[in-house]
Amino acid sequence: MSSTNVLLNVENLKIRVGEHGPLAVDDLSFSVAPGEIVALVGESGSGKTMAARAAIGLLPLPMRVCGGRLDFQGRDLVTLDTAGLRAIRGASIGMVFQEPMVSLNPALKIGQQMSEALQLHTDLNAGQIRERCLTMLRRIGIKDAEGCLEAYPHQFSGGMRQRIMLASVMLLRPALLIADEPTTALDCLAQLDVIELMLELTREQGTAILFISHDLSLVARYAHKVVVMRHGQSVEQGTINDILLAPKAEYTRQLLEALPRRGELAALPASNGPLVEVDQVCIEHPGPPSFWGKRQYKRVVHSASLAIAPGETLALVGGSGSGKTTLGRSLVGLIKPCAGAIRFKGVDILKAANRTHRLQCQMIFQDPYSSLNPRMKIGEILAEPLRHEPGMNAAQRSERVSQTLRDVGLGEQFVERFPHQLSGGQRQRVAIGRALVRHPQLVIADEPISALDMTIQKQILELFERLQAQYGFACLFISHDLAAVERIAHRVAVMHQGEVVEVGAREQVFDHPQHPYTRQLLAAASPLEKLADGGYRIRPASV
């Protein structure tokens, strides 16, 4: 490709940690043409985000560019001063970050934040700026654009915040959009919505995209070209068909093999009835008081019913805000329903005088960094649930902790470590161990792999399957990752707007979905599947 057809040319880029630290990016080269979508893929720590941030001068300290070139429209961004970078940042190169609640100021109204870039980079007056913001908000499908300008970020869902962030960036019609994991925290429908909007806006404006992701299924649907990164280096580059149909690098093949896919499930043990029955459960959340001071309530779960057999994994799927986490938390007593019954081994736990069932029900939360006490050592975290184990002395507790660490693939050297000293995958192993240390009969796993890379996700799913086979616990697996659900679940329940709209065996739900919402979810997911010749393709939706 000639230099005249290149928008961004990265040549032998090196980024170092501090003056004499290791290289975070080492000899990286790739190019982006006008209107092209180039994806940087790899695990956390591969250097993909650092390479992108270098292009707009937003490397976090002590990171610094120590070699190579970043040519954008004929100018080397590495040698530009602060004023030069400020002129390019936003106006010519825009960036959408992973978490809009971090990049949007919670104390400023949406209108104030959208207008900032226009005030900085254009000569428009206040009225013209407001009109352009309103036009863009209407363009992205917000009906009450006037109201949106006066609202704050916390008043919107995650998907809507990301749409607003994207609209703010595209107001200046940049030549290049850097999208850093823009949909990682979203369910598949919201993810599809944001990506399709991003493509529409960039096509209209002729904007190229540098798309950063660890999700090869997502990249396969949209990217023209892929750069696979590992340890700061490019291990393979090519068109999306080159990468999917004939991957050359062993690491690329490992990433593709790590994608979840349907396999054989262990047979369920014989039982006389369900372990857990959820019968017509309704849950309400308190809202703001009315004018007269009376508390208002919003119903978030409507007459939900489902059952979980001993040893079974029932997946609960649905979009953000569908009520799946709320329903899951009600099973361990963290939320009290306003109607219905929850029976554990035949006893209605909502009416039971004691709470001994809680000792047999444990929960794995989505973010172990938040759910693990940062002031406690790993050994103390695992031993804490055993304080209520009758007849267990200190030596027995210590042995159970050691056994649990071995079960989750961590050695006894982790006993004295703190959560911040562990990687994300290791922290999730500790969270699983904490839930299983009492050998419970039911585990509620709430989005246990959503924050992890593909290879770490595969390891955690394999660990979960092995421990379930070993200890025989039942599991309510709450997730919006349909590929992971298809791998691990015996049955699937689908929630939509607080209602359970479909329940069935895995094969029934995935191959012959009955409810329109289930078909929507499956069409939005479209995971990769392996072909007989060793290549991969996006699996056609069964709708």
Protein backbone atom coordinates (compact mmCIF):
# COMPACT_ATOMS: atom_id res chain seq x y z
CA MET A 1 0.00 0.00 0.00
CA SER A 2 1.50 3.33 -1.00
CA SER A 3 2.07 6.01 1.62
CA THR A 4 -0.54 8.23 -0.04
CA ASN A 5 -3.19 5.61 0.76
CA VAL A 6 -2.21 5.28 4.41
CA LEU A 7 -3.96 7.27 7.14
CA LEU A 8 -1.98 5.92 10.11
CA ASN A 9 1.36 4.18 9.69
CA VAL A 10 2.95 2.61 12.78
CA GLU A 11 6.57 1.70 12.12
CA ASN A 12 8.83 -0.19 14.56
CA LEU A 13 7.06 1.34 17.57
CA LYS A 14 8.67 0.76 20.96
CA ILE A 15 7.08 1.73 24.28
CA ARG A 16 9.06 1.31 27.49
CA VAL A 17 8.03 1.32 31.14
CA GLY A 18 10.09 4.14 32.64
CA GLU A 19 13.68 4.90 31.63
CA HIS A 20 15.14 1.41 31.96
CA GLY A 21 12.11 -0.83 32.41
CA PRO A 22 10.82 -3.59 30.13
CA LEU A 23 9.29 -2.91 26.72
CA ALA A 24 5.48 -2.88 26.78
CA VAL A 25 5.41 -2.62 22.96
CA ASP A 26 8.35 -3.94 20.96
CA ASP A 27 8.98 -3.22 17.26
CA LEU A 28 5.30 -3.02 16.30
CA SER A 29 4.38 -2.12 12.72
CA PHE A 30 1.00 -1.88 11.00
CA SER A 31 -1.03 0.58 8.94
CA VAL A 32 -4.60 1.83 8.68
CA ALA A 33 -6.02 3.11 5.39
CA PRO A 34 -8.84 5.68 5.10
CA GLY A 35 -12.19 4.01 5.81
CA GLU A 36 -10.53 0.74 6.86
CA ILE A 37 -11.29 -1.23 10.05
CA VAL A 38 -8.12 -2.68 11.58
CA ALA A 39 -8.38 -4.78 14.76
CA LEU A 40 -5.66 -5.19 17.38
CA VAL A 41 -6.38 -8.43 19.24
CA GLY A 42 -4.64 -10.16 22.12
CA GLU A 43 -4.85 -10.87 25.80
CA SER A 44 -4.56 -8.32 28.60
CA GLY A 45 -0.99 -7.07 28.77
CA SER A 46 -0.30 -7.71 25.09
CA GLY A 47 0.30 -3.98 24.47
CA LYS A 48 -2.65 -3.29 22.18
CA THR A 49 -4.12 -0.48 24.29
CA MET A 50 -0.70 1.11 24.88
CA ALA A 51 -0.03 1.19 21.13
CA ALA A 52 -3.37 2.92 20.51
CA ARG A 53 -2.94 5.42 23.34
CA ALA A 54 0.48 6.37 21.98
CA ALA A 55 -1.24 7.63 18.83
CA ILE A 56 -3.07 10.35 20.78
CA GLY A 57 -0.40 11.06 23.38
CA LEU A 58 -2.32 9.51 26.27
CA LEU A 59 0.22 6.99 27.53
CA PRO A 60 -0.06 6.63 31.32
CA LEU A 61 3.05 7.34 33.34
CA PRO A 62 5.68 5.93 33.45
CA MET A 63 5.07 4.60 29.90
CA ARG A 64 6.94 6.42 27.12
CA VAL A 65 7.64 5.98 23.42
CA CYS A 66 11.34 5.15 23.06
CA GLY A 67 11.57 4.30 19.36
CA GLY A 68 9.81 4.08 16.02
CA ARG A 69 7.33 6.31 14.22
CA LEU A 70 3.61 7.03 14.37
CA ASP A 71 2.80 8.79 11.11
CA PHE A 72 -0.70 10.24 10.87
CA GLN A 73 -1.63 12.12 7.70
CA GLY A 74 2.08 12.68 7.03
CA ARG A 75 2.99 13.93 10.52
CA ASP A 76 5.02 11.96 13.07
CA LEU A 77 2.92 11.98 16.25
CA VAL A 78 5.93 10.92 18.34
CA THR A 79 7.71 14.23 17.74
CA LEU A 80 4.66 16.49 18.12
CA ASP A 81 4.58 18.83 21.11
CA THR A 82 1.64 19.08 23.51
CA ALA A 83 -0.08 21.81 21.50
CA GLY A 84 0.23 19.81 18.29
CA LEU A 85 -1.22 16.69 19.91
CA ARG A 86 -4.06 18.71 21.44
CA ALA A 87 -4.99 20.01 17.99
CA ILE A 88 -5.17 16.48 16.58
CA ARG A 89 -6.75 14.78 19.59
CA GLY A 90 -10.53 14.84 19.19
CA ALA A 91 -10.56 16.78 15.93
CA SER A 92 -8.66 14.27 13.75
CA ILE A 93 -8.35 11.24 16.03
CA GLY A 94 -11.22 10.31 18.35
CA MET A 95 -11.24 7.62 21.02
CA VAL A 96 -14.02 5.61 22.64
CA PHE A 97 -12.99 3.95 25.89
CA GLN A 98 -14.08 0.65 27.42
CA GLU A 99 -16.13 2.05 30.30
CA PRO A 100 -18.12 5.22 29.56
CA MET A 101 -18.85 5.83 33.25
CA VAL A 102 -15.10 6.40 33.69
CA SER A 103 -14.67 8.64 30.64
CA LEU A 104 -17.90 10.61 31.18
CA ASN A 105 -17.78 13.12 34.03
CA PRO A 106 -20.51 12.13 36.52
CA ALA A 107 -20.83 15.72 37.77
CA LEU A 108 -21.52 17.30 34.37
CA LYS A 109 -24.64 17.13 32.24
CA ILE A 110 -24.44 15.32 28.91
CA GLY A 111 -24.89 18.58 27.00
CA GLN A 112 -21.91 20.19 28.75
CA GLN A 113 -19.69 17.22 27.93
CA MET A 114 -20.76 16.92 24.30
CA SER A 115 -20.16 20.63 23.67
CA GLU A 116 -16.63 20.76 25.12
CA ALA A 117 -14.87 19.44 22.01
CA LEU A 118 -16.88 21.68 19.69
CA GLN A 119 -15.98 24.72 21.81
CA LEU A 120 -12.30 23.76 21.66
CA HIS A 121 -11.97 22.84 17.98
CA THR A 122 -14.60 24.96 16.15
CA ASP A 123 -15.75 28.57 15.87
CA LEU A 124 -19.44 27.70 16.33
CA ASN A 125 -21.49 29.81 18.73
CA ALA A 126 -23.47 28.36 21.64
CA GLY A 127 -26.69 28.02 19.65
CA GLN A 128 -24.98 26.25 16.75
CA ILE A 129 -23.18 23.89 19.13
CA ARG A 130 -26.43 23.01 20.88
CA GLU A 131 -28.17 22.36 17.56
CA ARG A 132 -25.37 20.11 16.35
CA CYS A 133 -25.49 18.13 19.61
CA LEU A 134 -29.27 17.72 19.29
CA THR A 135 -28.93 16.57 15.68
CA MET A 136 -26.35 13.94 16.63
CA LEU A 137 -28.43 12.66 19.57
CA ARG A 138 -31.45 12.27 17.31
CA ARG A 139 -29.20 10.53 14.78
CA ILE A 140 -28.25 7.86 17.33
CA GLY A 141 -31.89 7.17 18.15
CA ILE A 142 -32.52 9.24 21.29
CA LYS A 143 -36.08 10.52 21.06
CA ASP A 144 -35.91 13.07 23.86
CA ALA A 145 -32.70 14.77 22.72
CA GLU A 146 -33.48 17.95 24.68
CA GLY A 147 -33.93 15.96 27.87
CA CYS A 148 -30.74 14.00 27.22
CA LEU A 149 -28.66 17.19 27.13
CA GLU A 150 -29.94 18.07 30.63
CA ALA A 151 -29.40 14.57 32.08
CA TYR A 152 -26.38 13.09 33.89
CA PRO A 153 -24.47 9.92 32.87
CA HIS A 154 -25.81 7.81 35.76
CA GLN A 155 -29.35 8.23 34.43
CA PHE A 156 -28.62 6.04 31.39
CA SER A 157 -27.93 2.34 30.87
CA GLY A 158 -24.44 1.12 29.95
CA GLY A 159 -25.37 0.69 26.30
CA MET A 160 -26.93 4.14 26.10
CA ARG A 161 -23.90 5.74 27.79
CA GLN A 162 -21.66 4.14 25.19
CA ARG A 163 -23.90 5.45 22.39
CA ILE A 164 -23.69 8.96 23.86
CA MET A 165 -19.90 8.66 24.20
CA LEU A 166 -19.67 7.57 20.56
CA ALA A 167 -21.90 10.45 19.46
CA SER A 168 -19.71 12.93 21.35
CA VAL A 169 -16.58 11.66 19.62
CA MET A 170 -18.13 11.62 16.13
CA LEU A 171 -19.41 15.22 16.40
CA LEU A 172 -16.03 16.43 15.10
CA ARG A 173 -15.94 13.95 12.20
CA PRO A 174 -12.48 12.53 12.99
CA ALA A 175 -10.49 10.77 10.27
CA LEU A 176 -9.59 7.95 12.69
CA LEU A 177 -11.64 6.46 15.53
CA ILE A 178 -9.83 4.38 18.16
CA ALA A 179 -12.34 2.03 19.83
CA ASP A 180 -10.78 0.41 22.90
CA GLU A 181 -12.92 -2.59 23.95
CA PRO A 182 -16.06 -0.44 23.47
CA THR A 183 -18.58 -3.23 24.15
CA THR A 184 -16.87 -5.53 26.67
CA ALA A 185 -19.28 -4.76 29.52
CA LEU A 186 -22.44 -4.98 27.36
CA ASP A 187 -24.81 -7.85 26.63
CA CYS A 188 -24.88 -9.18 23.06
CA LEU A 189 -27.90 -7.11 21.96
CA ALA A 190 -26.48 -3.86 23.34
CA GLN A 191 -23.09 -4.83 21.91
CA LEU A 192 -24.56 -5.32 18.44
CA ASP A 193 -26.47 -2.04 18.76
CA VAL A 194 -23.35 -0.01 19.66
CA ILE A 195 -21.13 -1.63 17.01
CA GLU A 196 -23.72 -1.18 14.25
CA LEU A 197 -24.14 2.47 15.24
CA MET A 198 -20.37 2.96 15.21
CA LEU A 199 -20.16 1.47 11.72
CA GLU A 200 -23.03 3.61 10.43
CA LEU A 201 -21.50 6.84 11.73
CA THR A 202 -18.00 6.03 10.47
CA ARG A 203 -19.27 5.00 7.03
CA GLU A 204 -21.23 8.25 6.72
CA GLN A 205 -18.15 10.30 7.62
CA GLY A 206 -15.48 8.15 5.93
CA THR A 207 -13.77 7.48 9.27
CA ALA A 208 -11.28 4.63 9.70
CA ILE A 209 -11.42 2.50 12.87
CA LEU A 210 -8.62 1.06 14.98
CA PHE A 211 -10.61 -1.56 16.90
CA ILE A 212 -9.06 -3.01 20.06
CA SER A 213 -10.54 -6.24 21.38
CA HIS A 214 -9.85 -9.67 22.83
CA ASP A 215 -13.08 -11.05 21.33
CA LEU A 216 -12.24 -12.78 18.03
CA SER A 217 -15.91 -13.53 17.37
CA LEU A 218 -16.67 -9.82 17.40
CA VAL A 219 -13.60 -8.93 15.35
CA ALA A 220 -14.51 -11.56 12.73
CA ARG A 221 -17.83 -9.85 12.02
CA TYR A 222 -16.50 -6.38 11.32
CA ALA A 223 -12.73 -6.05 10.77
CA HIS A 224 -11.05 -5.86 7.38
CA LYS A 225 -7.59 -6.58 8.77
CA VAL A 226 -6.32 -8.10 12.03
CA VAL A 227 -3.07 -7.62 13.97
CA VAL A 228 -2.57 -10.35 16.59
CA MET A 229 -0.42 -9.13 19.49
CA ARG A 230 1.39 -10.97 22.27
CA HIS A 231 3.92 -9.60 24.78
CA GLY A 232 4.02 -6.28 22.94
CA GLN A 233 4.82 -7.76 19.54
CA SER A 234 2.83 -8.57 16.41
CA VAL A 235 2.81 -12.35 15.95
CA GLU A 236 0.58 -12.34 12.87
CA GLN A 237 -1.17 -9.90 10.54
CA GLY A 238 -3.59 -10.41 7.69
CA THR A 239 -7.12 -10.06 6.41
CA ILE A 240 -9.86 -11.52 8.57
CA ASN A 241 -10.19 -14.46 6.17
CA ASP A 242 -6.44 -15.13 6.39
CA ILE A 243 -6.61 -15.25 10.18
CA LEU A 244 -9.79 -17.36 10.42
CA LEU A 245 -9.23 -19.81 7.57
CA ALA A 246 -5.47 -20.30 7.77
CA PRO A 247 -3.91 -18.97 10.99
CA LYS A 248 -0.13 -19.27 10.80
CA ALA A 249 1.03 -18.40 14.32
CA GLU A 250 0.61 -20.94 17.11
CA TYR A 251 -0.62 -18.17 19.42
CA THR A 252 -3.38 -17.22 16.96
CA ARG A 253 -4.50 -20.84 16.88
CA GLN A 254 -4.51 -20.87 20.70
CA LEU A 255 -6.78 -17.80 20.77
CA LEU A 256 -9.17 -19.44 18.32
CA GLU A 257 -9.13 -22.72 20.22
CA ALA A 258 -9.95 -20.85 23.44
CA LEU A 259 -13.34 -19.79 22.08
CA PRO A 260 -16.11 -21.67 23.95
CA ARG A 261 -18.02 -24.24 21.94
CA ARG A 262 -20.64 -26.88 22.61
CA GLY A 263 -19.34 -30.16 24.01
CA GLU A 264 -20.54 -33.24 25.81
CA LEU A 265 -21.96 -32.64 29.28
CA ALA A 266 -21.63 -34.95 32.25
CA ALA A 267 -24.74 -37.00 33.02
CA LEU A 268 -26.85 -35.68 35.88
CA PRO A 269 -27.17 -37.79 39.04
CA ALA A 270 -30.50 -39.49 39.71
CA SER A 271 -32.77 -37.42 41.98
CA ASN A 272 -36.27 -37.50 43.42
CA GLY A 273 -36.98 -33.86 42.63
CA PRO A 274 -35.43 -30.44 42.11
CA LEU A 275 -32.89 -29.01 44.52
CA VAL A 276 -34.28 -25.49 44.06
CA GLU A 277 -37.72 -24.37 42.92
CA VAL A 278 -38.53 -20.75 42.12
CA ASP A 279 -42.31 -20.43 42.02
CA GLN A 280 -44.01 -17.26 40.72
CA VAL A 281 -41.44 -14.98 42.38
CA CYS A 282 -41.93 -11.21 42.15
CA ILE A 283 -39.30 -8.69 43.24
CA GLU A 284 -39.64 -4.93 43.63
CA HIS A 285 -36.99 -2.23 44.04
CA PRO A 286 -37.77 0.90 46.06
CA GLY A 287 -37.86 4.11 44.05
CA PRO A 288 -38.03 7.78 45.04
CA PRO A 289 -40.92 8.88 47.28
CA SER A 290 -43.97 10.51 45.73
CA PHE A 291 -44.97 14.14 46.32
CA TRP A 292 -46.90 12.98 49.41
CA GLY A 293 -43.87 11.14 50.81
CA LYS A 294 -45.11 7.63 50.05
CA ARG A 295 -42.40 5.25 48.85
CA GLN A 296 -42.79 4.14 45.23
CA TYR A 297 -41.79 0.63 44.10
CA LYS A 298 -40.75 -0.66 40.70
CA ARG A 299 -41.32 -4.32 39.90
CA VAL A 300 -38.17 -5.77 38.30
CA VAL A 301 -39.02 -9.49 38.38
CA HIS A 302 -42.50 -10.63 37.33
CA SER A 303 -43.83 -14.07 38.41
CA ALA A 304 -40.59 -15.90 37.59
CA SER A 305 -40.57 -19.69 37.82
CA LEU A 306 -37.74 -22.17 37.26
CA ALA A 307 -36.17 -25.25 38.86
CA ILE A 308 -32.62 -26.54 39.29
CA ALA A 309 -31.87 -30.25 39.72
CA PRO A 310 -29.01 -31.59 41.89
CA GLY A 311 -25.73 -31.39 39.97
CA GLU A 312 -27.31 -29.43 37.11
CA THR A 313 -26.10 -26.19 35.55
CA LEU A 314 -29.01 -23.95 34.63
CA ALA A 315 -27.91 -20.87 32.68
CA LEU A 316 -29.90 -17.68 33.16
CA VAL A 317 -29.39 -15.36 30.18
CA GLY A 318 -30.82 -12.04 29.07
CA GLY A 319 -29.93 -8.44 28.42
CA SER A 320 -28.69 -5.96 31.00
CA GLY A 321 -31.55 -4.95 33.28
CA SER A 322 -33.56 -8.10 32.54
CA GLY A 323 -33.62 -9.08 36.23
CA LYS A 324 -31.36 -12.13 36.08
CA THR A 325 -28.87 -10.95 38.74
CA THR A 326 -31.72 -9.78 40.99
CA LEU A 327 -33.38 -13.20 40.75
CA GLY A 328 -30.08 -14.96 41.41
CA ARG A 329 -29.39 -12.91 44.51
CA SER A 330 -32.81 -13.76 45.90
CA LEU A 331 -31.78 -17.43 46.06
CA VAL A 332 -29.09 -16.66 48.65
CA GLY A 333 -31.19 -14.19 50.63
CA LEU A 334 -29.46 -11.00 49.46
CA ILE A 335 -32.78 -9.73 48.06
CA LYS A 336 -36.21 -10.54 49.47
CA PRO A 337 -39.07 -11.17 47.00
CA CYS A 338 -42.41 -9.47 47.57
CA ALA A 339 -44.40 -12.50 46.36
CA GLY A 340 -43.96 -16.14 45.40
CA ALA A 341 -41.94 -18.97 46.92
CA ILE A 342 -38.34 -20.20 46.76
CA ARG A 343 -38.04 -23.81 47.90
CA PHE A 344 -34.67 -25.35 48.75
CA LYS A 345 -34.94 -29.13 49.12
CA GLY A 346 -38.70 -28.71 49.53
CA VAL A 347 -38.57 -26.01 52.24
CA ASP A 348 -39.76 -22.49 51.45
CA ILE A 349 -36.77 -20.40 52.50
CA LEU A 350 -38.85 -17.22 52.53
CA LYS A 351 -40.92 -18.61 55.39
CA ALA A 352 -38.30 -20.74 57.17
CA ALA A 353 -37.51 -19.74 60.75
CA ASN A 354 -33.77 -20.44 60.41
CA ARG A 355 -31.35 -19.64 57.63
CA THR A 356 -29.31 -22.84 57.53
CA HIS A 357 -29.98 -23.12 53.80
CA ARG A 358 -27.60 -20.20 53.26
CA LEU A 359 -24.70 -22.41 54.33
CA GLN A 360 -25.53 -24.69 51.39
CA CYS A 361 -25.84 -21.82 48.88
CA GLN A 362 -22.83 -19.77 47.84
CA MET A 363 -22.31 -16.98 45.31
CA ILE A 364 -19.51 -16.09 42.89
CA PHE A 365 -19.64 -12.40 42.01
CA GLN A 366 -18.75 -10.78 38.71
CA ASP A 367 -15.75 -8.76 39.86
CA PRO A 368 -13.50 -10.58 42.34
CA TYR A 369 -11.40 -7.46 42.84
CA SER A 370 -14.45 -5.82 44.44
CA SER A 371 -15.78 -8.88 46.27
CA LEU A 372 -12.47 -10.00 47.83
CA ASN A 373 -11.42 -8.06 50.94
CA PRO A 374 -8.21 -6.22 49.97
CA ARG A 375 -6.99 -6.22 53.59
CA MET A 376 -7.26 -9.99 54.03
CA LYS A 377 -4.77 -12.58 52.83
CA ILE A 378 -5.98 -15.31 50.50
CA GLY A 379 -5.77 -17.91 53.25
CA GLU A 380 -7.94 -15.76 55.53
CA ILE A 381 -10.48 -15.16 52.74
CA LEU A 382 -10.87 -18.89 52.15
CA ALA A 383 -10.99 -19.72 55.86
CA GLU A 384 -13.64 -17.13 56.73
CA PRO A 385 -16.69 -19.17 55.52
CA LEU A 386 -15.48 -22.12 57.62
CA ARG A 387 -15.98 -20.24 60.89
CA HIS A 388 -19.60 -21.41 60.80
CA GLU A 389 -18.69 -25.04 60.06
CA PRO A 390 -19.64 -27.03 63.19
CA GLY A 391 -17.00 -29.30 64.69
CA MET A 392 -14.09 -28.01 62.57
CA ASN A 393 -10.95 -26.98 64.45
CA ALA A 394 -8.15 -24.69 63.26
CA ALA A 395 -6.03 -27.54 61.85
CA GLN A 396 -8.96 -28.89 59.88
CA ARG A 397 -9.76 -25.42 58.54
CA SER A 398 -6.15 -24.99 57.45
CA GLU A 399 -6.22 -28.34 55.64
CA ARG A 400 -9.51 -27.48 53.92
CA VAL A 401 -8.02 -24.16 52.74
CA SER A 402 -4.95 -25.96 51.36
CA GLN A 403 -7.14 -28.53 49.61
CA THR A 404 -9.30 -25.78 48.11
CA LEU A 405 -6.24 -23.96 46.77
CA ARG A 406 -5.13 -27.19 45.12
CA ASP A 407 -8.64 -27.71 43.73
CA VAL A 408 -8.65 -24.33 41.99
CA GLY A 409 -5.14 -24.72 40.62
CA LEU A 410 -3.29 -22.45 43.05
CA GLY A 411 -0.44 -23.56 45.31
CA GLU A 412 -0.10 -23.07 49.05
CA GLN A 413 2.24 -20.14 48.40
CA PHE A 414 -0.90 -18.08 47.72
CA VAL A 415 -2.03 -18.36 51.37
CA GLU A 416 0.03 -15.33 52.40
CA ARG A 417 -0.72 -13.16 49.37
CA PHE A 418 -3.22 -10.32 49.08
CA PRO A 419 -5.79 -9.96 46.24
CA HIS A 420 -3.91 -7.08 44.56
CA GLN A 421 -0.89 -9.37 44.11
CA LEU A 422 -2.88 -11.76 41.91
CA SER A 423 -3.87 -11.58 38.25
CA GLY A 424 -7.52 -11.34 37.23
CA GLY A 425 -7.70 -15.06 36.48
CA GLN A 426 -6.08 -15.96 39.80
CA ARG A 427 -8.50 -13.72 41.71
CA GLN A 428 -11.43 -15.43 40.01
CA ARG A 429 -10.00 -18.81 41.05
CA VAL A 430 -9.91 -17.55 44.64
CA ALA A 431 -13.53 -16.37 44.33
CA ILE A 432 -14.53 -19.83 43.09
CA GLY A 433 -12.57 -21.43 45.91
CA ARG A 434 -14.26 -19.24 48.52
CA ALA A 435 -17.66 -20.31 47.20
CA LEU A 436 -16.73 -24.01 47.21
CA VAL A 437 -14.71 -24.24 50.42
CA ARG A 438 -17.84 -25.32 52.37
CA HIS A 439 -18.78 -27.86 49.68
CA PRO A 440 -22.20 -26.25 49.03
CA GLN A 441 -25.05 -27.89 47.16
CA LEU A 442 -25.87 -24.77 45.10
CA VAL A 443 -23.58 -22.14 43.57
CA ILE A 444 -24.88 -18.95 41.94
CA ALA A 445 -22.23 -17.71 39.49
CA ASP A 446 -23.00 -14.15 38.41
CA GLU A 447 -21.08 -13.29 35.21
CA PRO A 448 -17.99 -15.13 36.52
CA ILE A 449 -15.92 -14.78 33.32
CA SER A 450 -17.11 -11.52 31.75
CA ALA A 451 -14.01 -9.52 32.75
CA LEU A 452 -11.49 -12.14 31.57
CA ASP A 453 -9.61 -12.77 28.34
CA MET A 454 -10.59 -15.68 26.09
CA THR A 455 -7.78 -17.99 27.19
CA ILE A 456 -8.42 -17.26 30.88
CA GLN A 457 -12.16 -17.75 30.30
CA LYS A 458 -11.44 -21.19 28.88
CA GLN A 459 -9.32 -22.10 31.91
CA ILE A 460 -12.02 -20.94 34.35
CA LEU A 461 -14.78 -22.83 32.51
CA GLU A 462 -12.67 -26.00 32.47
CA LEU A 463 -11.95 -25.54 36.19
CA PHE A 464 -15.65 -25.03 36.91
CA GLU A 465 -16.63 -28.18 35.00
CA ARG A 466 -13.98 -30.25 36.78
CA LEU A 467 -15.00 -29.05 40.24
CA GLN A 468 -18.68 -29.61 39.52
CA ALA A 469 -17.92 -33.19 38.48
CA GLN A 470 -15.81 -33.62 41.63
CA TYR A 471 -18.21 -32.15 44.19
CA GLY A 472 -21.59 -32.50 42.46
CA PHE A 473 -22.96 -29.03 43.20
CA ALA A 474 -25.79 -27.49 41.20
CA CYS A 475 -25.21 -24.12 39.57
CA LEU A 476 -27.23 -21.14 38.44
CA PHE A 477 -24.89 -19.68 35.81
CA ILE A 478 -25.88 -16.05 35.11
CA SER A 479 -24.35 -14.69 31.93
CA HIS A 480 -24.83 -12.68 28.75
CA ASP A 481 -22.05 -14.69 27.06
CA LEU A 482 -24.04 -17.19 25.00
CA ALA A 483 -20.93 -19.01 23.78
CA ALA A 484 -19.92 -19.82 27.37
CA VAL A 485 -23.50 -20.80 28.20
CA GLU A 486 -23.62 -23.16 25.23
CA ARG A 487 -20.52 -24.90 26.51
CA ILE A 488 -21.38 -25.30 30.17
CA ALA A 489 -25.18 -25.40 30.66
CA HIS A 490 -27.51 -28.42 30.78
CA ARG A 491 -30.56 -26.17 30.46
CA VAL A 492 -31.10 -22.50 29.64
CA ALA A 493 -33.63 -19.98 30.98
CA VAL A 494 -34.10 -16.70 29.11
CA MET A 495 -35.19 -13.53 30.93
CA HIS A 496 -36.59 -10.42 29.27
CA GLN A 497 -37.90 -7.35 31.09
CA GLY A 498 -38.20 -9.24 34.37
CA GLU A 499 -39.98 -12.31 32.97
CA VAL A 500 -38.70 -15.81 32.27
CA VAL A 501 -39.82 -16.11 28.65
CA GLU A 502 -38.27 -19.46 27.72
CA VAL A 503 -36.78 -22.47 29.51
CA GLY A 504 -35.43 -25.58 27.84
CA ALA A 505 -32.57 -27.98 27.28
CA ARG A 506 -29.44 -26.45 25.78
CA GLU A 507 -29.97 -28.01 22.36
CA GLN A 508 -33.62 -26.97 22.29
CA VAL A 509 -32.95 -23.32 23.11
CA PHE A 510 -29.92 -22.90 20.86
CA ASP A 511 -31.11 -24.94 17.87
CA HIS A 512 -34.87 -24.38 17.99
CA PRO A 513 -35.58 -21.16 19.95
CA GLN A 514 -39.28 -20.51 20.50
CA HIS A 515 -39.54 -16.95 21.85
CA PRO A 516 -38.79 -13.96 19.57
CA TYR A 517 -36.45 -12.47 22.18
CA THR A 518 -34.42 -15.69 22.34
CA ARG A 519 -34.06 -15.60 18.58
CA GLN A 520 -32.90 -11.98 18.82
CA LEU A 521 -30.23 -12.91 21.36
CA LEU A 522 -28.92 -15.79 19.26
CA ALA A 523 -28.85 -13.70 16.09
CA ALA A 524 -26.83 -11.01 17.88
CA ALA A 525 -24.28 -13.52 19.23
CA SER A 526 -23.30 -15.55 16.11
CA PRO A 527 -20.16 -17.21 17.57
CA LEU A 528 -17.30 -18.67 15.56
CA GLU A 529 -17.35 -22.38 14.75
CA LYS A 530 -14.51 -24.67 13.71
CA LEU A 531 -14.60 -26.15 10.20
CA ALA A 532 -13.50 -29.64 9.17
CA ASP A 533 -10.33 -28.27 7.52
CA GLY A 534 -9.24 -26.52 10.74
CA GLY A 535 -10.41 -23.03 9.78
CA TYR A 536 -13.17 -20.99 11.42
CA ARG A 537 -16.28 -19.12 10.33
CA ILE A 538 -19.13 -17.18 11.92
CA ARG A 539 -21.88 -19.69 12.62
CA PRO A 540 -25.18 -18.81 10.94
CA ALA A 541 -27.94 -18.05 13.44
CA SER A 542 -30.66 -20.73 13.80
CA VAL A 543 -33.58 -18.35 13.42
